[in-house]
Amino acid sequence: MKHLLLATALLTTPLAAEETHLFEVGGLEVLHPWTNATTHDHALLYMELHNEGDAPVEIISARTEDGVNGQLVGFRLADGAMVADPLPPIPVAPGTELALEPDVIAISFDGLPAPLEEGDHLEIVLETSAGELAVEVAVEAADARQHSHAGHSH
């Protein structure tokens, strides 16, 4: 009986590592969502998106649990400085990937209620054409250029 209880507990306990950086809705897998620690109310969110489904999935926007709206932005160099421009929804075709990464594409949040501290998590809802997806975003170091778990497979 003791072994049965232990086995049941192990099967019903989610794996913490997987919970914190792999999420899925409608065939769209979201891996390694992260942002940098901040000293202000602005943050840029990054992640890897893999469409394992049979239909395209559009990435529309996101919002925090506090109701702060985020929008997709693309970066370009203008007069020697990086500039973020709003983007329309981005489709991720079946069998393809999209990387939201520094200086390329991100979800931009303005008006966060407090600065983000390294080691914390930010709860967001990713809005896609396949539905909404609750995502836990890791807060990395202020100078990070990738998620601390980037590079390993799932």
N, C-alpha and C. Protein backbone atom coordinates (compact mmCIF):
# COMPACT_ATOMS: atom_id res chain seq x y z
N MET A 1 0.82 -1.19 0.00
CA MET A 1 0.00 0.00 0.00
C MET A 1 0.86 1.25 0.00
N LYS A 2 1.95 1.24 0.78
CA LYS A 2 2.84 2.39 0.85
C LYS A 2 3.42 2.71 -0.54
N HIS A 3 3.77 1.65 -1.30
CA HIS A 3 4.34 1.84 -2.64
C HIS A 3 3.30 2.40 -3.60
N LEU A 4 2.05 1.95 -3.45
CA LEU A 4 0.97 2.45 -4.29
C LEU A 4 0.75 3.94 -4.04
N LEU A 5 0.76 4.36 -2.78
CA LEU A 5 0.59 5.78 -2.46
C LEU A 5 1.75 6.60 -3.02
N LEU A 6 2.96 6.10 -2.90
CA LEU A 6 4.13 6.81 -3.43
C LEU A 6 4.04 6.92 -4.94
N ALA A 7 3.67 5.84 -5.62
CA ALA A 7 3.54 5.85 -7.07
C ALA A 7 2.46 6.83 -7.50
N THR A 8 1.33 6.84 -6.80
CA THR A 8 0.25 7.77 -7.12
C THR A 8 0.69 9.21 -6.93
N ALA A 9 1.40 9.48 -5.85
CA ALA A 9 1.89 10.84 -5.60
C ALA A 9 2.86 11.28 -6.69
N LEU A 10 3.72 10.39 -7.12
CA LEU A 10 4.68 10.75 -8.18
C LEU A 10 3.99 11.00 -9.50
N LEU A 11 2.96 10.22 -9.81
CA LEU A 11 2.25 10.38 -11.07
C LEU A 11 1.39 11.64 -11.09
N THR A 12 0.90 12.07 -9.94
CA THR A 12 0.01 13.24 -9.91
C THR A 12 0.74 14.53 -9.59
N THR A 13 2.03 14.45 -9.27
CA THR A 13 2.80 15.64 -8.97
C THR A 13 3.46 16.13 -10.25
N PRO A 14 3.14 17.35 -10.72
CA PRO A 14 3.76 17.84 -11.95
C PRO A 14 5.25 18.04 -11.76
N LEU A 15 5.96 17.87 -12.83
CA LEU A 15 7.39 18.11 -12.79
C LEU A 15 7.64 19.61 -12.79
N ALA A 16 8.22 20.12 -11.75
CA ALA A 16 8.40 21.57 -11.60
C ALA A 16 9.18 22.17 -12.74
N ALA A 17 10.23 21.52 -13.20
CA ALA A 17 11.05 22.08 -14.29
C ALA A 17 10.23 22.23 -15.56
N GLU A 18 9.39 21.22 -15.88
CA GLU A 18 8.59 21.30 -17.09
C GLU A 18 7.50 22.35 -16.94
N GLU A 19 6.91 22.45 -15.76
CA GLU A 19 5.83 23.40 -15.54
C GLU A 19 6.29 24.83 -15.78
N THR A 20 7.52 25.13 -15.47
CA THR A 20 7.94 26.52 -15.51
C THR A 20 8.40 26.99 -16.87
N HIS A 21 8.57 26.07 -17.84
CA HIS A 21 9.01 26.60 -19.12
C HIS A 21 8.50 25.85 -20.35
N LEU A 22 7.41 25.09 -20.23
CA LEU A 22 6.78 24.44 -21.37
C LEU A 22 5.28 24.51 -21.20
N PHE A 23 4.58 25.15 -22.17
CA PHE A 23 3.15 25.36 -22.11
C PHE A 23 2.58 25.04 -23.49
N GLU A 24 1.27 24.66 -23.58
CA GLU A 24 0.71 24.25 -24.86
C GLU A 24 -0.76 24.62 -24.97
N VAL A 25 -1.15 25.05 -26.18
CA VAL A 25 -2.55 25.27 -26.51
C VAL A 25 -2.72 25.01 -28.02
N GLY A 26 -3.70 24.21 -28.38
CA GLY A 26 -4.04 23.99 -29.79
C GLY A 26 -2.88 23.59 -30.66
N GLY A 27 -1.95 22.78 -30.16
CA GLY A 27 -0.79 22.36 -30.94
C GLY A 27 0.38 23.31 -30.88
N LEU A 28 0.17 24.49 -30.30
CA LEU A 28 1.25 25.46 -30.17
C LEU A 28 1.97 25.24 -28.84
N GLU A 29 3.26 24.96 -28.92
CA GLU A 29 4.07 24.80 -27.71
C GLU A 29 4.84 26.08 -27.45
N VAL A 30 4.80 26.54 -26.22
CA VAL A 30 5.54 27.72 -25.78
C VAL A 30 6.64 27.21 -24.85
N LEU A 31 7.89 27.46 -25.23
CA LEU A 31 9.02 27.00 -24.45
C LEU A 31 9.85 28.18 -23.95
N HIS A 32 10.40 28.02 -22.77
CA HIS A 32 11.36 28.96 -22.19
C HIS A 32 10.91 30.43 -22.21
N PRO A 33 9.70 30.74 -21.76
CA PRO A 33 9.32 32.16 -21.68
C PRO A 33 10.15 32.86 -20.61
N TRP A 34 10.70 34.02 -20.96
CA TRP A 34 11.55 34.73 -20.00
C TRP A 34 11.53 36.22 -20.29
N THR A 35 11.97 36.97 -19.29
CA THR A 35 12.14 38.41 -19.41
C THR A 35 13.33 38.78 -18.53
N ASN A 36 13.81 39.99 -18.71
CA ASN A 36 14.91 40.47 -17.89
C ASN A 36 14.40 41.13 -16.62
N ALA A 37 15.21 41.08 -15.56
CA ALA A 37 14.92 41.85 -14.35
C ALA A 37 14.91 43.33 -14.75
N THR A 38 14.07 44.11 -14.09
CA THR A 38 13.93 45.53 -14.45
C THR A 38 14.04 46.41 -13.21
N THR A 39 14.22 47.70 -13.45
CA THR A 39 14.19 48.70 -12.38
C THR A 39 13.06 49.69 -12.64
N HIS A 40 12.18 49.35 -13.59
CA HIS A 40 11.11 50.26 -14.01
C HIS A 40 9.86 49.47 -14.34
N ASP A 41 8.88 50.10 -14.99
CA ASP A 41 7.60 49.45 -15.27
C ASP A 41 7.49 48.89 -16.68
N HIS A 42 8.61 48.74 -17.36
CA HIS A 42 8.62 48.24 -18.74
C HIS A 42 9.37 46.91 -18.80
N ALA A 43 8.84 45.96 -19.57
CA ALA A 43 9.52 44.67 -19.74
C ALA A 43 9.28 44.14 -21.15
N LEU A 44 10.26 43.42 -21.66
CA LEU A 44 10.16 42.73 -22.95
C LEU A 44 10.17 41.24 -22.66
N LEU A 45 9.21 40.53 -23.26
CA LEU A 45 9.05 39.10 -23.02
C LEU A 45 9.51 38.32 -24.24
N TYR A 46 10.24 37.22 -23.98
CA TYR A 46 10.78 36.39 -25.05
C TYR A 46 10.36 34.94 -24.82
N MET A 47 10.33 34.15 -25.90
CA MET A 47 9.97 32.74 -25.80
C MET A 47 10.22 32.06 -27.13
N GLU A 48 10.20 30.74 -27.11
CA GLU A 48 10.25 29.94 -28.33
C GLU A 48 8.84 29.40 -28.57
N LEU A 49 8.38 29.44 -29.81
CA LEU A 49 7.06 28.95 -30.18
C LEU A 49 7.22 27.86 -31.23
N HIS A 50 6.61 26.70 -31.00
CA HIS A 50 6.66 25.59 -31.95
C HIS A 50 5.23 25.19 -32.25
N ASN A 51 4.85 25.19 -33.53
CA ASN A 51 3.51 24.75 -33.89
C ASN A 51 3.57 23.28 -34.28
N GLU A 52 3.11 22.42 -33.39
CA GLU A 52 3.10 20.97 -33.62
C GLU A 52 1.73 20.53 -34.14
N GLY A 53 0.82 21.47 -34.36
CA GLY A 53 -0.53 21.15 -34.81
C GLY A 53 -0.65 21.07 -36.32
N ASP A 54 -1.90 20.99 -36.79
CA ASP A 54 -2.19 20.87 -38.22
C ASP A 54 -2.64 22.17 -38.86
N ALA A 55 -2.80 23.23 -38.06
CA ALA A 55 -3.29 24.50 -38.57
C ALA A 55 -2.39 25.64 -38.09
N PRO A 56 -2.33 26.72 -38.86
CA PRO A 56 -1.56 27.88 -38.40
C PRO A 56 -2.16 28.44 -37.11
N VAL A 57 -1.30 28.98 -36.26
CA VAL A 57 -1.74 29.62 -35.02
C VAL A 57 -1.15 31.02 -35.01
N GLU A 58 -2.01 32.03 -34.87
CA GLU A 58 -1.54 33.41 -34.79
C GLU A 58 -1.24 33.80 -33.35
N ILE A 59 -0.11 34.46 -33.16
CA ILE A 59 0.24 35.05 -31.88
C ILE A 59 -0.32 36.46 -31.93
N ILE A 60 -1.24 36.77 -31.04
CA ILE A 60 -1.96 38.04 -31.11
C ILE A 60 -1.41 39.07 -30.13
N SER A 61 -1.38 38.73 -28.86
CA SER A 61 -0.90 39.66 -27.83
C SER A 61 -0.78 38.90 -26.52
N ALA A 62 -0.64 39.63 -25.43
CA ALA A 62 -0.58 39.03 -24.10
C ALA A 62 -1.05 40.06 -23.09
N ARG A 63 -1.32 39.57 -21.89
CA ARG A 63 -1.67 40.46 -20.78
C ARG A 63 -1.17 39.81 -19.50
N THR A 64 -0.88 40.64 -18.51
CA THR A 64 -0.46 40.12 -17.21
C THR A 64 -1.70 39.79 -16.39
N GLU A 65 -1.50 39.09 -15.29
CA GLU A 65 -2.63 38.78 -14.40
C GLU A 65 -3.19 40.05 -13.78
N ASP A 66 -2.41 41.15 -13.78
CA ASP A 66 -2.86 42.44 -13.27
C ASP A 66 -3.60 43.25 -14.33
N GLY A 67 -3.72 42.71 -15.55
CA GLY A 67 -4.44 43.39 -16.61
C GLY A 67 -3.61 44.34 -17.46
N VAL A 68 -2.28 44.30 -17.32
CA VAL A 68 -1.42 45.14 -18.17
C VAL A 68 -1.31 44.45 -19.53
N ASN A 69 -1.66 45.18 -20.59
CA ASN A 69 -1.62 44.62 -21.94
C ASN A 69 -0.23 44.68 -22.53
N GLY A 70 0.11 43.62 -23.25
CA GLY A 70 1.38 43.57 -23.96
C GLY A 70 1.11 43.48 -25.44
N GLN A 71 2.03 44.01 -26.23
CA GLN A 71 1.86 43.94 -27.68
C GLN A 71 3.12 43.42 -28.34
N LEU A 72 2.93 42.75 -29.47
CA LEU A 72 4.06 42.27 -30.25
C LEU A 72 4.81 43.46 -30.83
N VAL A 73 6.13 43.40 -30.75
CA VAL A 73 6.97 44.45 -31.34
C VAL A 73 8.12 43.80 -32.09
N GLY A 74 8.55 44.48 -33.14
CA GLY A 74 9.72 44.08 -33.90
C GLY A 74 10.76 45.18 -33.78
N PHE A 75 12.02 44.80 -33.79
CA PHE A 75 13.10 45.77 -33.59
C PHE A 75 13.81 46.08 -34.89
N ARG A 76 14.24 47.33 -34.99
CA ARG A 76 15.05 47.76 -36.13
C ARG A 76 16.05 48.79 -35.64
N LEU A 77 17.11 48.93 -36.39
CA LEU A 77 18.15 49.91 -36.06
C LEU A 77 17.82 51.21 -36.78
N ALA A 78 17.71 52.32 -36.02
CA ALA A 78 17.43 53.62 -36.60
C ALA A 78 18.35 54.64 -35.95
N ASP A 79 19.19 55.28 -36.75
CA ASP A 79 20.13 56.28 -36.26
C ASP A 79 21.01 55.73 -35.13
N GLY A 80 21.41 54.48 -35.28
CA GLY A 80 22.32 53.87 -34.32
C GLY A 80 21.66 53.35 -33.05
N ALA A 81 20.33 53.40 -32.96
CA ALA A 81 19.63 52.92 -31.77
C ALA A 81 18.56 51.90 -32.16
N MET A 82 18.32 50.93 -31.28
CA MET A 82 17.26 49.96 -31.52
C MET A 82 15.91 50.61 -31.24
N VAL A 83 14.98 50.43 -32.18
CA VAL A 83 13.64 50.98 -32.07
C VAL A 83 12.65 49.83 -32.16
N ALA A 84 11.64 49.83 -31.31
CA ALA A 84 10.60 48.80 -31.33
C ALA A 84 9.36 49.34 -32.02
N ASP A 85 8.90 48.62 -33.03
CA ASP A 85 7.69 48.99 -33.76
C ASP A 85 6.60 47.96 -33.49
N PRO A 86 5.34 48.41 -33.28
CA PRO A 86 4.24 47.46 -33.09
C PRO A 86 4.09 46.56 -34.32
N LEU A 87 3.73 45.29 -34.07
CA LEU A 87 3.53 44.33 -35.15
C LEU A 87 2.10 43.81 -35.12
N PRO A 88 1.58 43.42 -36.29
CA PRO A 88 0.27 42.76 -36.31
C PRO A 88 0.44 41.32 -35.80
N PRO A 89 -0.67 40.59 -35.61
CA PRO A 89 -0.54 39.19 -35.21
C PRO A 89 0.40 38.44 -36.15
N ILE A 90 1.18 37.52 -35.58
CA ILE A 90 2.16 36.76 -36.36
C ILE A 90 1.71 35.30 -36.43
N PRO A 91 1.51 34.77 -37.66
CA PRO A 91 1.13 33.36 -37.77
C PRO A 91 2.34 32.45 -37.64
N VAL A 92 2.12 31.31 -36.97
CA VAL A 92 3.14 30.27 -36.88
C VAL A 92 2.55 29.07 -37.62
N ALA A 93 3.12 28.75 -38.79
CA ALA A 93 2.59 27.68 -39.63
C ALA A 93 2.84 26.32 -38.99
N PRO A 94 2.01 25.34 -39.33
CA PRO A 94 2.23 23.98 -38.80
C PRO A 94 3.65 23.50 -39.11
N GLY A 95 4.27 22.88 -38.12
CA GLY A 95 5.61 22.33 -38.31
C GLY A 95 6.72 23.35 -38.30
N THR A 96 6.41 24.60 -37.93
CA THR A 96 7.45 25.63 -37.91
C THR A 96 7.62 26.18 -36.50
N GLU A 97 8.65 27.00 -36.37
CA GLU A 97 8.99 27.63 -35.09
C GLU A 97 9.12 29.13 -35.28
N LEU A 98 8.89 29.85 -34.20
CA LEU A 98 9.10 31.29 -34.16
C LEU A 98 9.79 31.60 -32.85
N ALA A 99 10.88 32.34 -32.92
CA ALA A 99 11.62 32.72 -31.71
C ALA A 99 11.41 34.20 -31.43
N LEU A 100 10.88 34.49 -30.25
CA LEU A 100 10.84 35.87 -29.77
C LEU A 100 12.12 36.02 -28.98
N GLU A 101 13.03 36.87 -29.48
CA GLU A 101 14.34 37.01 -28.87
C GLU A 101 14.82 38.44 -28.91
N PRO A 102 15.77 38.79 -28.04
CA PRO A 102 16.24 40.17 -27.96
C PRO A 102 16.68 40.72 -29.33
N ASP A 103 16.30 41.97 -29.55
CA ASP A 103 16.65 42.72 -30.76
C ASP A 103 16.00 42.18 -32.03
N VAL A 104 15.02 41.28 -31.90
CA VAL A 104 14.33 40.73 -33.08
C VAL A 104 12.83 40.95 -32.92
N ILE A 105 12.19 40.12 -32.10
CA ILE A 105 10.74 40.20 -31.83
C ILE A 105 10.53 39.97 -30.35
N ALA A 106 9.57 40.66 -29.76
CA ALA A 106 9.24 40.48 -28.34
C ALA A 106 7.79 40.86 -28.10
N ILE A 107 7.33 40.60 -26.90
CA ILE A 107 6.06 41.15 -26.44
C ILE A 107 6.44 42.22 -25.43
N SER A 108 5.99 43.45 -25.68
CA SER A 108 6.36 44.59 -24.86
C SER A 108 5.24 44.93 -23.88
N PHE A 109 5.62 45.09 -22.61
CA PHE A 109 4.68 45.49 -21.56
C PHE A 109 5.11 46.83 -20.99
N ASP A 110 4.20 47.78 -20.92
CA ASP A 110 4.43 49.07 -20.27
C ASP A 110 3.39 49.24 -19.17
N GLY A 111 3.82 49.80 -18.04
CA GLY A 111 2.89 50.05 -16.95
C GLY A 111 2.79 48.91 -15.95
N LEU A 112 3.84 48.08 -15.85
CA LEU A 112 3.83 47.02 -14.83
C LEU A 112 3.76 47.65 -13.44
N PRO A 113 3.08 47.02 -12.50
CA PRO A 113 2.90 47.63 -11.18
C PRO A 113 4.17 47.71 -10.33
N ALA A 114 5.18 46.89 -10.66
CA ALA A 114 6.42 46.89 -9.87
C ALA A 114 7.56 46.38 -10.74
N PRO A 115 8.80 46.76 -10.41
CA PRO A 115 9.95 46.20 -11.14
C PRO A 115 9.99 44.68 -10.98
N LEU A 116 10.61 44.00 -11.93
CA LEU A 116 10.75 42.55 -11.90
C LEU A 116 12.13 42.19 -11.35
N GLU A 117 12.17 41.26 -10.40
CA GLU A 117 13.43 40.88 -9.77
C GLU A 117 13.87 39.51 -10.26
N GLU A 118 15.17 39.37 -10.50
CA GLU A 118 15.74 38.10 -10.94
C GLU A 118 15.30 36.97 -10.01
N GLY A 119 14.87 35.85 -10.62
CA GLY A 119 14.42 34.70 -9.85
C GLY A 119 12.91 34.67 -9.64
N ASP A 120 12.25 35.80 -9.85
CA ASP A 120 10.79 35.84 -9.73
C ASP A 120 10.14 35.27 -10.99
N HIS A 121 8.82 35.22 -10.99
CA HIS A 121 8.05 34.80 -12.16
C HIS A 121 6.95 35.81 -12.40
N LEU A 122 6.64 36.00 -13.66
CA LEU A 122 5.56 36.89 -14.09
C LEU A 122 4.50 36.02 -14.73
N GLU A 123 3.27 36.11 -14.25
CA GLU A 123 2.17 35.34 -14.81
C GLU A 123 1.52 36.16 -15.92
N ILE A 124 1.44 35.56 -17.12
CA ILE A 124 0.79 36.25 -18.23
C ILE A 124 -0.22 35.31 -18.88
N VAL A 125 -1.06 35.87 -19.73
CA VAL A 125 -1.96 35.10 -20.59
C VAL A 125 -1.57 35.46 -22.01
N LEU A 126 -1.12 34.46 -22.77
CA LEU A 126 -0.78 34.64 -24.18
C LEU A 126 -2.05 34.47 -24.99
N GLU A 127 -2.37 35.44 -25.83
CA GLU A 127 -3.57 35.39 -26.64
C GLU A 127 -3.19 34.93 -28.05
N THR A 128 -3.79 33.78 -28.46
CA THR A 128 -3.51 33.22 -29.78
C THR A 128 -4.83 32.90 -30.47
N SER A 129 -4.75 32.61 -31.75
CA SER A 129 -5.96 32.22 -32.49
C SER A 129 -6.44 30.84 -32.05
N ALA A 130 -5.62 30.06 -31.35
CA ALA A 130 -6.01 28.74 -30.84
C ALA A 130 -6.59 28.84 -29.43
N GLY A 131 -6.60 30.03 -28.86
CA GLY A 131 -7.12 30.23 -27.52
C GLY A 131 -6.12 30.93 -26.63
N GLU A 132 -6.53 31.17 -25.41
CA GLU A 132 -5.66 31.83 -24.44
C GLU A 132 -4.86 30.77 -23.68
N LEU A 133 -3.64 31.14 -23.31
CA LEU A 133 -2.76 30.22 -22.62
C LEU A 133 -2.09 30.92 -21.45
N ALA A 134 -2.31 30.39 -20.24
CA ALA A 134 -1.61 30.92 -19.07
C ALA A 134 -0.16 30.47 -19.12
N VAL A 135 0.76 31.41 -18.95
CA VAL A 135 2.19 31.14 -19.07
C VAL A 135 2.91 31.76 -17.88
N GLU A 136 3.82 31.00 -17.29
CA GLU A 136 4.66 31.51 -16.21
C GLU A 136 6.00 31.90 -16.81
N VAL A 137 6.35 33.17 -16.69
CA VAL A 137 7.55 33.72 -17.31
C VAL A 137 8.65 33.85 -16.27
N ALA A 138 9.81 33.29 -16.56
CA ALA A 138 10.96 33.38 -15.65
C ALA A 138 11.59 34.76 -15.79
N VAL A 139 11.96 35.36 -14.66
CA VAL A 139 12.67 36.63 -14.67
C VAL A 139 14.16 36.32 -14.52
N GLU A 140 14.90 36.61 -15.58
CA GLU A 140 16.34 36.34 -15.62
C GLU A 140 17.11 37.60 -15.20
N ALA A 141 18.42 37.51 -15.21
CA ALA A 141 19.27 38.65 -14.86
C ALA A 141 18.99 39.83 -15.79
N ALA A 142 19.24 41.02 -15.31
CA ALA A 142 18.98 42.24 -16.10
C ALA A 142 19.76 42.23 -17.42
N ASP A 143 20.93 41.60 -17.44
CA ASP A 143 21.75 41.59 -18.66
C ASP A 143 21.67 40.27 -19.43
N ALA A 144 20.73 39.40 -19.10
CA ALA A 144 20.60 38.10 -19.80
C ALA A 144 20.24 38.31 -21.26
N ARG A 145 20.72 37.41 -22.10
CA ARG A 145 20.40 37.45 -23.53
C ARG A 145 19.62 36.22 -23.96
N GLN A 146 19.39 35.27 -23.00
CA GLN A 146 18.59 34.09 -23.28
C GLN A 146 18.11 33.49 -21.96
N HIS A 147 17.15 32.60 -22.06
CA HIS A 147 16.63 31.89 -20.89
C HIS A 147 17.75 31.02 -20.32
N SER A 148 17.80 30.90 -19.02
CA SER A 148 18.88 30.14 -18.39
C SER A 148 18.86 28.67 -18.75
N HIS A 149 17.71 28.14 -19.25
CA HIS A 149 17.63 26.74 -19.65
C HIS A 149 17.73 26.58 -21.16
N ALA A 150 17.99 27.64 -21.90
CA ALA A 150 18.02 27.56 -23.35
C ALA A 150 19.07 26.55 -23.79
N GLY A 151 18.75 25.83 -24.85
CA GLY A 151 19.71 24.90 -25.41
C GLY A 151 19.46 23.44 -25.08
N HIS A 152 18.60 23.14 -24.09
CA HIS A 152 18.31 21.73 -23.85
C HIS A 152 16.99 21.36 -24.51
N SER A 153 16.80 20.11 -24.79
CA SER A 153 15.60 19.69 -25.51
C SER A 153 14.53 19.20 -24.56
N HIS A 154 13.30 19.16 -25.07
CA HIS A 154 12.14 18.69 -24.28
C HIS A 154 11.61 17.43 -24.89
